[in-house]
C-alpha atoms as a PDB file:
ATOM      1  CA  UNK A   1     101.815  83.990  94.492  1.00  0.00           C
ATOM      2  CA  UNK A   2      98.150  83.315  93.849  1.00  0.00           C
ATOM      3  CA  UNK A   3      95.590  85.603  95.485  1.00  0.00           C
ATOM      4  CA  UNK A   4      92.253  84.133  96.560  1.00  0.00           C
ATOM      5  CA  UNK A   5      89.487  86.504  97.669  1.00  0.00           C
ATOM      6  CA  UNK A   6      85.765  87.205  97.496  1.00  0.00           C
ATOM      7  CA  UNK A   7      83.455  84.186  97.602  1.00  0.00           C
ATOM      8  CA  UNK A   8      86.337  82.046  96.339  1.00  0.00           C
ATOM      9  CA  UNK A   9      87.649  81.856  99.893  1.00  0.00           C
ATOM     10  CA  UNK A  10      84.808  79.405 100.589  1.00  0.00           C
ATOM     11  CA  UNK A  11      85.636  77.157  97.620  1.00  0.00           C
ATOM     12  CA  UNK A  12      87.833  74.109  97.961  1.00  0.00           C
ATOM     13  CA  UNK A  13      91.237  75.538  97.020  1.00  0.00           C
ATOM     14  CA  UNK A  14      93.801  73.165  98.519  1.00  0.00           C
ATOM     15  CA  UNK A  15      93.898  69.625  99.836  1.00  0.00           C
ATOM     16  CA  UNK A  16      96.698  70.464 102.267  1.00  0.00           C
ATOM     17  CA  UNK A  17      98.511  73.627 103.353  1.00  0.00           C
ATOM     18  CA  UNK A  18     100.524  75.356 106.050  1.00  0.00           C
ATOM     19  CA  UNK A  19      98.871  78.584 107.176  1.00  0.00           C
ATOM     20  CA  UNK A  20      99.567  81.795 109.052  1.00  0.00           C
ATOM     21  CA  UNK A  21      96.964  84.448 109.765  1.00  0.00           C
ATOM     22  CA  UNK A  22      97.102  88.154 110.590  1.00  0.00           C
ATOM     23  CA  UNK A  23      96.756  91.719 109.322  1.00  0.00           C
ATOM     24  CA  UNK A  24     100.479  92.050 108.532  1.00  0.00           C
ATOM     25  CA  UNK A  25     100.287  95.810 107.975  1.00  0.00           C
ATOM     26  CA  UNK A  26     103.710  97.083 106.973  1.00  0.00           C
ATOM     27  CA  UNK A  27     105.197  93.597 106.526  1.00  0.00           C
ATOM     28  CA  UNK A  28     107.943  94.394 109.031  1.00  0.00           C
ATOM     29  CA  UNK A  29     110.823  92.234 110.268  1.00  0.00           C
ATOM     30  CA  UNK A  30     108.595  90.398 112.747  1.00  0.00           C
ATOM     31  CA  UNK A  31     106.261  89.400 109.929  1.00  0.00           C
ATOM     32  CA  UNK A  32     109.277  88.422 107.830  1.00  0.00           C
ATOM     33  CA  UNK A  33     110.331  85.909 110.504  1.00  0.00           C
ATOM     34  CA  UNK A  34     106.855  84.377 110.473  1.00  0.00           C
ATOM     35  CA  UNK A  35     106.835  84.112 106.661  1.00  0.00           C
ATOM     36  CA  UNK A  36     110.315  82.589 106.580  1.00  0.00           C
ATOM     37  CA  UNK A  37     109.273  79.975 109.134  1.00  0.00           C
ATOM     38  CA  UNK A  38     106.028  79.338 107.255  1.00  0.00           C
ATOM     39  CA  UNK A  39     107.971  78.743 104.045  1.00  0.00           C
ATOM     40  CA  UNK A  40     110.393  76.376 105.763  1.00  0.00           C
ATOM     41  CA  UNK A  41     107.582  74.264 107.219  1.00  0.00           C
ATOM     42  CA  UNK A  42     105.830  74.348 103.845  1.00  0.00           C
ATOM     43  CA  UNK A  43     108.912  72.956 102.100  1.00  0.00           C
ATOM     44  CA  UNK A  44     109.585  70.401 104.844  1.00  0.00           C
ATOM     45  CA  UNK A  45     106.026  69.064 104.594  1.00  0.00           C
ATOM     46  CA  UNK A  46     105.751  69.381 100.829  1.00  0.00           C
ATOM     47  CA  UNK A  47     102.539  71.427 100.911  1.00  0.00           C
ATOM     48  CA  UNK A  48     101.733  75.008  99.829  1.00  0.00           C
ATOM     49  CA  UNK A  49     102.297  77.997 102.126  1.00  0.00           C
ATOM     50  CA  UNK A  50      99.278  80.216 102.754  1.00  0.00           C
ATOM     51  CA  UNK A  51      98.988  83.670 104.322  1.00  0.00           C
ATOM     52  CA  UNK A  52      95.468  84.612 105.399  1.00  0.00           C
ATOM     53  CA  UNK A  53      94.701  88.289 105.900  1.00  0.00           C
ATOM     54  CA  UNK A  54      91.721  90.642 105.973  1.00  0.00           C
ATOM     55  CA  UNK A  55      90.658  93.541 103.753  1.00  0.00           C
ATOM     56  CA  UNK A  56      89.839  96.146 104.843  1.00  0.00           C
ATOM     57  CA  UNK A  57      91.570  96.227 108.220  1.00  0.00           C
ATOM     58  CA  UNK A  58      88.968  95.010 110.768  1.00  0.00           C
ATOM     59  CA  UNK A  59      89.097  98.245 112.786  1.00  0.00           C
ATOM     60  CA  UNK A  60      88.081 100.203 109.674  1.00  0.00           C
ATOM     61  CA  UNK A  61      84.734  98.411 109.966  1.00  0.00           C
ATOM     62  CA  UNK A  62      84.338  97.788 113.701  1.00  0.00           C
ATOM     63  CA  UNK A  63      85.770 101.002 115.149  1.00  0.00           C
ATOM     64  CA  UNK A  64      86.683 103.450 112.374  1.00  0.00           C
ATOM     65  CA  UNK A  65      87.397 106.206 114.878  1.00  0.00           C
ATOM     66  CA  UNK A  66      90.147 103.995 116.352  1.00  0.00           C
ATOM     67  CA  UNK A  67      91.460 102.557 113.082  1.00  0.00           C
ATOM     68  CA  UNK A  68      95.164 103.199 112.522  1.00  0.00           C
ATOM     69  CA  UNK A  69      96.632 104.889 109.471  1.00  0.00           C
ATOM     70  CA  UNK A  70      97.886 101.905 107.505  1.00  0.00           C
ATOM     71  CA  UNK A  71     101.577 101.562 106.743  1.00  0.00           C
ATOM     72  CA  UNK A  72     101.023  99.871 103.398  1.00  0.00           C
ATOM     73  CA  UNK A  73      98.280  99.842 100.815  1.00  0.00           C
ATOM     74  CA  UNK A  74      96.877  96.413  99.990  1.00  0.00           C
ATOM     75  CA  UNK A  75      98.886  96.370  96.755  1.00  0.00           C
ATOM     76  CA  UNK A  76     102.115  97.141  98.602  1.00  0.00           C
ATOM     77  CA  UNK A  77     101.378  94.566 101.295  1.00  0.00           C
ATOM     78  CA  UNK A  78     100.607  91.773  98.839  1.00  0.00           C
ATOM     79  CA  UNK A  79     103.743  92.538  96.794  1.00  0.00           C
ATOM     80  CA  UNK A  80     105.901  92.441  99.923  1.00  0.00           C
ATOM     81  CA  UNK A  81     104.379  89.143 101.059  1.00  0.00           C
ATOM     82  CA  UNK A  82     104.982  87.638  97.613  1.00  0.00           C
ATOM     83  CA  UNK A  83     108.706  88.335  97.994  1.00  0.00           C
ATOM     84  CA  UNK A  84     108.939  85.671 100.684  1.00  0.00           C
ATOM     85  CA  UNK A  85     107.968  82.950  98.230  1.00  0.00           C
ATOM     86  CA  UNK A  86     104.488  82.487  99.683  1.00  0.00           C
ATOM     87  CA  UNK A  87     102.287  80.338  97.451  1.00  0.00           C
ATOM     88  CA  UNK A  88      98.816  81.693  98.291  1.00  0.00           C
ATOM     89  CA  UNK A  89      97.499  84.920  99.791  1.00  0.00           C
ATOM     90  CA  UNK A  90      93.920  84.439 100.974  1.00  0.00           C
ATOM     91  CA  UNK A  91      92.214  87.804 101.427  1.00  0.00           C
ATOM     92  CA  UNK A  92      89.093  87.599 103.561  1.00  0.00           C
ATOM     93  CA  UNK A  93      86.625  90.437 102.776  1.00  0.00           C
ATOM     94  CA  UNK A  94      85.958  91.863 106.227  1.00  0.00           C
ATOM     95  CA  UNK A  95      82.494  93.164 107.098  1.00  0.00           C
ATOM     96  CA  UNK A  96      80.301  93.564 110.175  1.00  0.00           C
ATOM     97  CA  UNK A  97      78.527  90.364 109.209  1.00  0.00           C
ATOM     98  CA  UNK A  98      81.783  88.461 108.923  1.00  0.00           C
ATOM     99  CA  UNK A  99      82.908  89.833 112.299  1.00  0.00           C
ATOM    100  CA  UNK A 100      80.066  87.880 113.909  1.00  0.00           C
ATOM    101  CA  UNK A 101      81.362  84.559 112.583  1.00  0.00           C
ATOM    102  CA  UNK A 102      82.461  82.395 115.533  1.00  0.00           C
ATOM    103  CA  UNK A 103      86.152  81.556 115.586  1.00  0.00           C
ATOM    104  CA  UNK A 104      85.361  77.825 115.350  1.00  0.00           C
ATOM    105  CA  UNK A 105      83.344  78.333 112.164  1.00  0.00           C
ATOM    106  CA  UNK A 106      86.085  80.432 110.602  1.00  0.00           C
ATOM    107  CA  UNK A 107      88.688  77.758 111.280  1.00  0.00           C
ATOM    108  CA  UNK A 108      86.542  74.885 110.053  1.00  0.00           C
ATOM    109  CA  UNK A 109      84.972  76.598 107.022  1.00  0.00           C
ATOM    110  CA  UNK A 110      87.911  78.500 105.554  1.00  0.00           C
ATOM    111  CA  UNK A 111      91.109  77.147 107.052  1.00  0.00           C
ATOM    112  CA  UNK A 112      90.231  73.454 107.198  1.00  0.00           C
ATOM    113  CA  UNK A 113      87.684  72.831 104.437  1.00  0.00           C
ATOM    114  CA  UNK A 114      88.793  75.407 101.858  1.00  0.00           C
ATOM    115  CA  UNK A 115      92.540  75.357 102.488  1.00  0.00           C
ATOM    116  CA  UNK A 116      93.068  71.859 103.847  1.00  0.00           C
ATOM    117  CA  UNK A 117      95.151  73.265 106.702  1.00  0.00           C
ATOM    118  CA  UNK A 118      97.521  70.709 108.271  1.00  0.00           C
ATOM    119  CA  UNK A 119      99.557  73.189 110.330  1.00  0.00           C
ATOM    120  CA  UNK A 120      99.050  76.793 111.477  1.00  0.00           C
ATOM    121  CA  UNK A 121     101.574  79.324 112.753  1.00  0.00           C
ATOM    122  CA  UNK A 122     100.364  82.332 114.736  1.00  0.00           C
ATOM    123  CA  UNK A 123     102.206  85.289 116.178  1.00  0.00           C
ATOM    124  CA  UNK A 124     102.490  85.810 119.916  1.00  0.00           C
ATOM    125  CA  UNK A 125      99.128  86.609 121.584  1.00  0.00           C
ATOM    126  CA  UNK A 126      97.267  86.677 118.239  1.00  0.00           C
ATOM    127  CA  UNK A 127      93.464  86.437 118.530  1.00  0.00           C
ATOM    128  CA  UNK A 128      90.736  86.287 115.877  1.00  0.00           C
ATOM    129  CA  UNK A 129      87.058  85.619 115.290  1.00  0.00           C
ATOM    130  CA  UNK A 130      83.958  87.040 116.963  1.00  0.00           C
ATOM    131  CA  UNK A 131      84.994  89.043 120.009  1.00  0.00           C
ATOM    132  CA  UNK A 132      88.597  87.828 119.466  1.00  0.00           C
ATOM    133  CA  UNK A 133      87.526  84.521 120.958  1.00  0.00           C
ATOM    134  CA  UNK A 134      89.911  82.536 118.766  1.00  0.00           C
ATOM    135  CA  UNK A 135      93.321  82.018 120.333  1.00  0.00           C
ATOM    136  CA  UNK A 136      96.024  79.384 120.814  1.00  0.00           C
ATOM    137  CA  UNK A 137      93.827  77.274 123.109  1.00  0.00           C
ATOM    138  CA  UNK A 138      90.930  77.416 120.629  1.00  0.00           C
ATOM    139  CA  UNK A 139      93.195  76.241 117.835  1.00  0.00           C
ATOM    140  CA  UNK A 140      94.760  73.553 120.032  1.00  0.00           C
ATOM    141  CA  UNK A 141      91.352  72.054 120.777  1.00  0.00           C
ATOM    142  CA  UNK A 142      90.232  72.242 117.144  1.00  0.00           C
ATOM    143  CA  UNK A 143      93.537  70.783 116.004  1.00  0.00           C
ATOM    144  CA  UNK A 144      93.013  67.634 118.047  1.00  0.00           C
ATOM    145  CA  UNK A 145      89.512  67.234 116.591  1.00  0.00           C
ATOM    146  CA  UNK A 146      90.374  68.114 112.992  1.00  0.00           C
ATOM    147  CA  UNK A 147      93.876  66.798 112.534  1.00  0.00           C
ATOM    148  CA  UNK A 148      96.052  69.884 112.271  1.00  0.00           C
ATOM    149  CA  UNK A 149      99.009  70.991 114.359  1.00  0.00           C
ATOM    150  CA  UNK A 150      99.952  74.478 115.476  1.00  0.00           C
ATOM    151  CA  UNK A 151     102.664  76.629 116.951  1.00  0.00           C
ATOM    152  CA  UNK A 152     102.757  80.024 118.605  1.00  0.00           C
ATOM    153  CA  UNK A 153     105.897  81.992 117.740  1.00  0.00           C
ATOM    154  CA  UNK A 154     107.444  84.036 120.562  1.00  0.00           C
ATOM    155  CA  UNK A 155     107.736  87.829 120.281  1.00  0.00           C
ATOM    156  CA  UNK A 156     110.228  88.844 117.592  1.00  0.00           C
ATOM    157  CA  UNK A 157     112.529  91.822 118.062  1.00  0.00           C
ATOM    158  CA  UNK A 158     115.968  92.948 119.116  1.00  0.00           C
ATOM    159  CA  UNK A 159     117.586  94.867 121.974  1.00  0.00           C
ATOM    160  CA  UNK A 160     114.461  94.507 124.084  1.00  0.00           C
ATOM    161  CA  UNK A 161     112.165  96.009 121.426  1.00  0.00           C
ATOM    162  CA  UNK A 162     109.417  93.801 119.966  1.00  0.00           C
ATOM    163  CA  UNK A 163     108.776  94.570 116.304  1.00  0.00           C
ATOM    164  CA  UNK A 164     105.232  95.802 115.728  1.00  0.00           C
ATOM    165  CA  UNK A 165     103.172  97.788 113.246  1.00  0.00           C
ATOM    166  CA  UNK A 166     102.249 100.293 115.960  1.00  0.00           C
ATOM    167  CA  UNK A 167     105.927 101.066 116.569  1.00  0.00           C
ATOM    168  CA  UNK A 168     106.424 101.674 112.851  1.00  0.00           C
ATOM    169  CA  UNK A 169     103.447 104.044 112.785  1.00  0.00           C
ATOM    170  CA  UNK A 170     104.786 105.933 115.784  1.00  0.00           C
ATOM    171  CA  UNK A 171     108.272 106.266 114.276  1.00  0.00           C
ATOM    172  CA  UNK A 172     106.940 107.465 110.900  1.00  0.00           C
ATOM    173  CA  UNK A 173     104.543 109.912 112.549  1.00  0.00           C
ATOM    174  CA  UNK A 174     107.495 111.327 114.514  1.00  0.00           C
ATOM    175  CA  UNK A 175     109.650 111.604 111.405  1.00  0.00           C
ATOM    176  CA  UNK A 176     112.143 109.106 112.830  1.00  0.00           C
ATOM    177  CA  UNK A 177     112.867 107.323 109.583  1.00  0.00           C
ATOM    178  CA  UNK A 178     115.883 105.476 110.971  1.00  0.00           C
ATOM    179  CA  UNK A 179     113.770 103.862 113.699  1.00  0.00           C
ATOM    180  CA  UNK A 180     111.067 102.964 111.167  1.00  0.00           C
ATOM    181  CA  UNK A 181     113.657 101.399 108.841  1.00  0.00           C
ATOM    182  CA  UNK A 182     115.136  99.283 111.648  1.00  0.00           C
ATOM    183  CA  UNK A 183     111.734  97.710 112.288  1.00  0.00           C
ATOM    184  CA  UNK A 184     110.662  97.436 108.646  1.00  0.00           C
ATOM    185  CA  UNK A 185     114.001  96.184 107.355  1.00  0.00           C
ATOM    186  CA  UNK A 186     113.752  98.747 104.541  1.00  0.00           C
ATOM    187  CA  UNK A 187     113.166 102.456 104.155  1.00  0.00           C
ATOM    188  CA  UNK A 188     109.591 103.576 104.663  1.00  0.00           C
ATOM    189  CA  UNK A 189     107.942 104.315 101.330  1.00  0.00           C
ATOM    190  CA  UNK A 190     104.870 105.876  99.798  1.00  0.00           C
ATOM    191  CA  UNK A 191     103.714 105.535  96.209  1.00  0.00           C
ATOM    192  CA  UNK A 192     101.527 107.701  94.052  1.00  0.00           C
ATOM    193  CA  UNK A 193     101.191 109.789  90.928  1.00  0.00           C
ATOM    194  CA  UNK A 194     102.885 113.063  89.971  1.00  0.00           C
ATOM    195  CA  UNK A 195     100.243 115.804  89.691  1.00  0.00           C
ATOM    196  CA  UNK A 196     100.226 119.542  88.953  1.00  0.00           C
ATOM    197  CA  UNK A 197     100.805 121.847  91.923  1.00  0.00           C
ATOM    198  CA  UNK A 198     101.221 125.585  92.526  1.00  0.00           C
ATOM    199  CA  UNK A 199     104.660 125.482  90.841  1.00  0.00           C
ATOM    200  CA  UNK A 200     106.230 127.680  93.519  1.00  0.00           C
ATOM    201  CA  UNK A 201     109.363 125.555  93.375  1.00  0.00           C
ATOM    202  CA  UNK A 202     109.686 126.329  89.675  1.00  0.00           C
ATOM    203  CA  UNK A 203     109.812 130.063  90.389  1.00  0.00           C
ATOM    204  CA  UNK A 204     112.549 129.474  92.992  1.00  0.00           C
ATOM    205  CA  UNK A 205     114.682 127.413  90.654  1.00  0.00           C
ATOM    206  CA  UNK A 206     113.825 124.135  92.377  1.00  0.00           C
ATOM    207  CA  UNK A 207     110.964 122.537  90.391  1.00  0.00           C
ATOM    208  CA  UNK A 208     109.230 119.869  92.452  1.00  0.00           C
ATOM    209  CA  UNK A 209     107.077 116.852  91.700  1.00  0.00           C
ATOM    210  CA  UNK A 210     103.786 117.077  93.586  1.00  0.00           C
ATOM    211  CA  UNK A 211     102.550 113.657  94.611  1.00  0.00           C
ATOM    212  CA  UNK A 212      99.027 112.352  95.106  1.00  0.00           C
ATOM    213  CA  UNK A 213      99.205 109.135  97.116  1.00  0.00           C
ATOM    214  CA  UNK A 214      96.775 106.491  98.415  1.00  0.00           C
ATOM    215  CA  UNK A 215      99.095 105.812 101.362  1.00  0.00           C
ATOM    216  CA  UNK A 216      97.427 106.730 104.638  1.00  0.00           C
ATOM    217  CA  UNK A 217     100.510 107.076 106.824  1.00  0.00           C
ATOM    218  CA  UNK A 218     102.724 110.073 106.057  1.00  0.00           C
ATOM    219  CA  UNK A 219     105.852 111.173 107.904  1.00  0.00           C
ATOM    220  CA  UNK A 220     105.468 114.256 110.091  1.00  0.00           C
ATOM    221  CA  UNK A 221     105.680 117.622 108.351  1.00  0.00           C
ATOM    222  CA  UNK A 222     109.239 118.444 107.417  1.00  0.00           C
ATOM    223  CA  UNK A 223     111.960 118.053 104.809  1.00  0.00           C
ATOM    224  CA  UNK A 224     113.516 114.646 104.125  1.00  0.00           C
ATOM    225  CA  UNK A 225     116.375 113.127 102.175  1.00  0.00           C
ATOM    226  CA  UNK A 226     114.754 110.507  99.935  1.00  0.00           C
ATOM    227  CA  UNK A 227     115.477 107.997  97.218  1.00  0.00           C
ATOM    228  CA  UNK A 228     112.893 108.015  94.455  1.00  0.00           C
ATOM    229  CA  UNK A 229     111.955 105.287  91.994  1.00  0.00           C
ATOM    230  CA  UNK A 230     110.491 106.658  88.787  1.00  0.00           C
ATOM    231  CA  UNK A 231     110.361 105.083  85.314  1.00  0.00           C
ATOM    232  CA  UNK A 232     112.533 102.177  86.541  1.00  0.00           C
ATOM    233  CA  UNK A 233     115.253 104.590  87.614  1.00  0.00           C
ATOM    234  CA  UNK A 234     116.633 105.513  91.045  1.00  0.00           C
ATOM    235  CA  UNK A 235     116.905 109.267  91.629  1.00  0.00           C
ATOM    236  CA  UNK A 236     118.098 111.163  94.711  1.00  0.00           C
ATOM    237  CA  UNK A 237     115.753 113.791  96.066  1.00  0.00           C
ATOM    238  CA  UNK A 238     114.640 116.104  98.852  1.00  0.00           C
ATOM    239  CA  UNK A 239     110.994 115.788  99.906  1.00  0.00           C
ATOM    240  CA  UNK A 240     108.916 118.408 101.686  1.00  0.00           C
ATOM    241  CA  UNK A 241     105.701 117.422 103.480  1.00  0.00           C
ATOM    242  CA  UNK A 242     103.347 120.049 104.882  1.00  0.00           C
ATOM    243  CA  UNK A 243     101.945 123.448 104.025  1.00  0.00           C
ATOM    244  CA  UNK A 244     104.118 126.230 102.647  1.00  0.00           C
ATOM    245  CA  UNK A 245     103.810 128.933 105.348  1.00  0.00           C
ATOM    246  CA  UNK A 246     106.146 131.338 103.534  1.00  0.00           C
ATOM    247  CA  UNK A 247     103.620 131.650 100.703  1.00  0.00           C
ATOM    248  CA  UNK A 248     100.503 131.440 102.875  1.00  0.00           C
ATOM    249  CA  UNK A 249      99.439 127.985 101.728  1.00  0.00           C
ATOM    250  CA  UNK A 250      96.984 126.018 103.873  1.00  0.00           C
ATOM    251  CA  UNK A 251      96.889 122.669 102.047  1.00  0.00           C
ATOM    252  CA  UNK A 252      99.222 119.859 103.070  1.00  0.00           C
ATOM    253  CA  UNK A 253     101.258 118.685 100.105  1.00  0.00           C
ATOM    254  CA  UNK A 254     104.022 116.193  99.292  1.00  0.00           C
ATOM    255  CA  UNK A 255     106.646 117.707  97.012  1.00  0.00           C
ATOM    256  CA  UNK A 256     109.897 116.141  95.837  1.00  0.00           C
ATOM    257  CA  UNK A 257     112.813 117.989  94.264  1.00  0.00           C
ATOM    258  CA  UNK A 258     114.637 115.437  92.128  1.00  0.00           C
ATOM    259  CA  UNK A 259     118.390 115.944  92.046  1.00  0.00           C
ATOM    260  CA  UNK A 260     120.066 115.820  88.621  1.00  0.00           C
ATOM    261  CA  UNK A 261     116.823 114.933  86.855  1.00  0.00           C
ATOM    262  CA  UNK A 262     114.884 117.012  84.358  1.00  0.00           C
ATOM    263  CA  UNK A 263     112.463 114.730  82.492  1.00  0.00           C
ATOM    264  CA  UNK A 264     108.747 115.529  82.252  1.00  0.00           C
ATOM    265  CA  UNK A 265     106.978 113.230  84.721  1.00  0.00           C
ATOM    266  CA  UNK A 266     103.408 114.513  85.153  1.00  0.00           C
ATOM    267  CA  UNK A 267     100.988 111.574  85.547  1.00  0.00           C
ATOM    268  CA  UNK A 268     103.872 109.140  86.064  1.00  0.00           C
ATOM    269  CA  UNK A 269     103.890 106.654  88.914  1.00  0.00           C
ATOM    270  CA  UNK A 270     106.461 107.411  91.618  1.00  0.00           C
ATOM    271  CA  UNK A 271     107.687 105.783  94.829  1.00  0.00           C
ATOM    272  CA  UNK A 272     109.454 107.777  97.546  1.00  0.00           C
ATOM    273  CA  UNK A 273     111.727 106.053 100.086  1.00  0.00           C
ATOM    274  CA  UNK A 274     112.350 108.190 103.178  1.00  0.00           C
ATOM    275  CA  UNK A 275     115.957 107.980 104.353  1.00  0.00           C
ATOM    276  CA  UNK A 276     116.386 110.780 106.898  1.00  0.00           C
ATOM    277  CA  UNK A 277     114.599 113.861 108.208  1.00  0.00           C
ATOM    278  CA  UNK A 278     116.503 117.097 107.561  1.00  0.00           C
ATOM    279  CA  UNK A 279     114.426 119.730 109.348  1.00  0.00           C
ATOM    280  CA  UNK A 280     110.949 120.894 110.273  1.00  0.00           C
ATOM    281  CA  UNK A 281     108.770 123.095 108.075  1.00  0.00           C
ATOM    282  CA  UNK A 282     109.598 126.747 108.663  1.00  0.00           C
ATOM    283  CA  UNK A 283     108.207 130.161 107.747  1.00  0.00           C
ATOM    284  CA  UNK A 284     110.880 132.222 106.036  1.00  0.00           C
ATOM    285  CA  UNK A 285     110.996 136.006 105.814  1.00  0.00           C
ATOM    286  CA  UNK A 286     110.962 136.026 102.026  1.00  0.00           C
ATOM    287  CA  UNK A 287     111.538 133.953  98.893  1.00  0.00           C
ATOM    288  CA  UNK A 288     115.298 134.546  99.019  1.00  0.00           C
ATOM    289  CA  UNK A 289     115.568 133.079 102.509  1.00  0.00           C
ATOM    290  CA  UNK A 290     113.466 130.108 101.437  1.00  0.00           C
ATOM    291  CA  UNK A 291     115.636 129.576  98.358  1.00  0.00           C
ATOM    292  CA  UNK A 292     118.769 129.621 100.511  1.00  0.00           C
ATOM    293  CA  UNK A 293     117.233 127.055 102.864  1.00  0.00           C
ATOM    294  CA  UNK A 294     116.322 124.765  99.964  1.00  0.00           C
ATOM    295  CA  UNK A 295     119.878 125.056  98.632  1.00  0.00           C
ATOM    296  CA  UNK A 296     121.147 123.896 102.018  1.00  0.00           C
ATOM    297  CA  UNK A 297     118.589 121.060 102.028  1.00  0.00           C
ATOM    298  CA  UNK A 298     119.937 119.880  98.679  1.00  0.00           C
ATOM    299  CA  UNK A 299     123.524 120.001  99.957  1.00  0.00           C
ATOM    300  CA  UNK A 300     122.576 118.046 103.080  1.00  0.00           C
ATOM    301  CA  UNK A 301     120.606 115.545 101.018  1.00  0.00           C
ATOM    302  CA  UNK A 302     123.553 114.821  98.754  1.00  0.00           C
ATOM    303  CA  UNK A 303     125.779 114.251 101.771  1.00  0.00           C
ATOM    304  CA  UNK A 304     123.312 111.901 103.475  1.00  0.00           C
ATOM    305  CA  UNK A 305     122.468 109.854 100.400  1.00  0.00           C
ATOM    306  CA  UNK A 306     126.106 109.390  99.442  1.00  0.00           C
ATOM    307  CA  UNK A 307     126.719 107.760 102.831  1.00  0.00           C
ATOM    308  CA  UNK A 308     123.533 105.719 103.175  1.00  0.00           C
ATOM    309  CA  UNK A 309     123.680 101.976 103.746  1.00  0.00           C
ATOM    310  CA  UNK A 310     121.187  99.677 102.060  1.00  0.00           C
ATOM    311  CA  UNK A 311     122.413  96.305 103.346  1.00  0.00           C
ATOM    312  CA  UNK A 312     119.843  95.970 106.134  1.00  0.00           C
ATOM    313  CA  UNK A 313     117.429  98.665 104.986  1.00  0.00           C
ATOM    314  CA  UNK A 314     117.026  97.704 101.384  1.00  0.00           C
ATOM    315  CA  UNK A 315     115.531  99.853  98.682  1.00  0.00           C
ATOM    316  CA  UNK A 316     112.839  97.516  97.540  1.00  0.00           C
ATOM    317  CA  UNK A 317     111.886  97.480  93.850  1.00  0.00           C
ATOM    318  CA  UNK A 318     109.226  94.806  93.744  1.00  0.00           C
ATOM    319  CA  UNK A 319     107.125  96.064  96.649  1.00  0.00           C
ATOM    320  CA  UNK A 320     106.409  99.348  94.926  1.00  0.00           C
ATOM    321  CA  UNK A 321     102.904 100.131  93.807  1.00  0.00           C
ATOM    322  CA  UNK A 322     101.734 103.426  92.402  1.00  0.00           C
ATOM    323  CA  UNK A 323      98.304 104.989  92.197  1.00  0.00           C
ATOM    324  CA  UNK A 324      98.791 105.398  88.468  1.00  0.00           C
END
């Protein structure tokens, strides 16, 4: 997949293309349906498939106080999109100045002239451009004048639930990793780098990897059964997110105890896939009580991970991106 961004988005890139447009945060199952349809139309028409997105997320610029915690970093999002065989990812640098561009100008300048758009697919109720003035009717009118066709895909979901990024954020924030995985089609993941911590786990006999991550959205404080990708190897683990009240800590940390793994991994890139929440963060009476609780967490983690199913909630290698 070729990525086009910066001022290059205004250059003539393609003579013809099939396009979809959106933020696509999380690249969930609803987005996957759009990309699959985009690719099919692209093949049927014999022209490249193009996904147009914005960086940063428009709300980060227009209303930062209302901007959501993003599910994926840009690197994770682009890697996930590439997995669907998309030919081009056009990343529009979003700014306050760009937000004032009329929807008509955006369509004509970037989609038509630069990308040679012959067909566009949009998600249900999607709007774009200055004041969100661009919609299906806008595109329909412009299509007649500029020779492209369009379609508006209906809401995508199952059992009465429409897949959305906001639902994923809510599930992750609640620690409901099963609900998040059903919408994403994979386990929720964060990536980062292993850094030095307080090494409390070492003193308890459970040395942990402390993780610094660029991911904005973290599961709620608690202990989780996780699968970890490190140095091209899958490792089972138990992850704790939060402060350590037993030892009077006041800084929120992400710590993973890797089962059956003893290699030195400081400064290594790591990706953590959250499978299931085990319990909330608790204050224990002493170190012995905490150690006993961690031992039980490890036992529960082994049991959960031995039974986990990855058919519909795949552990995804290629979408991983570390901060390393």
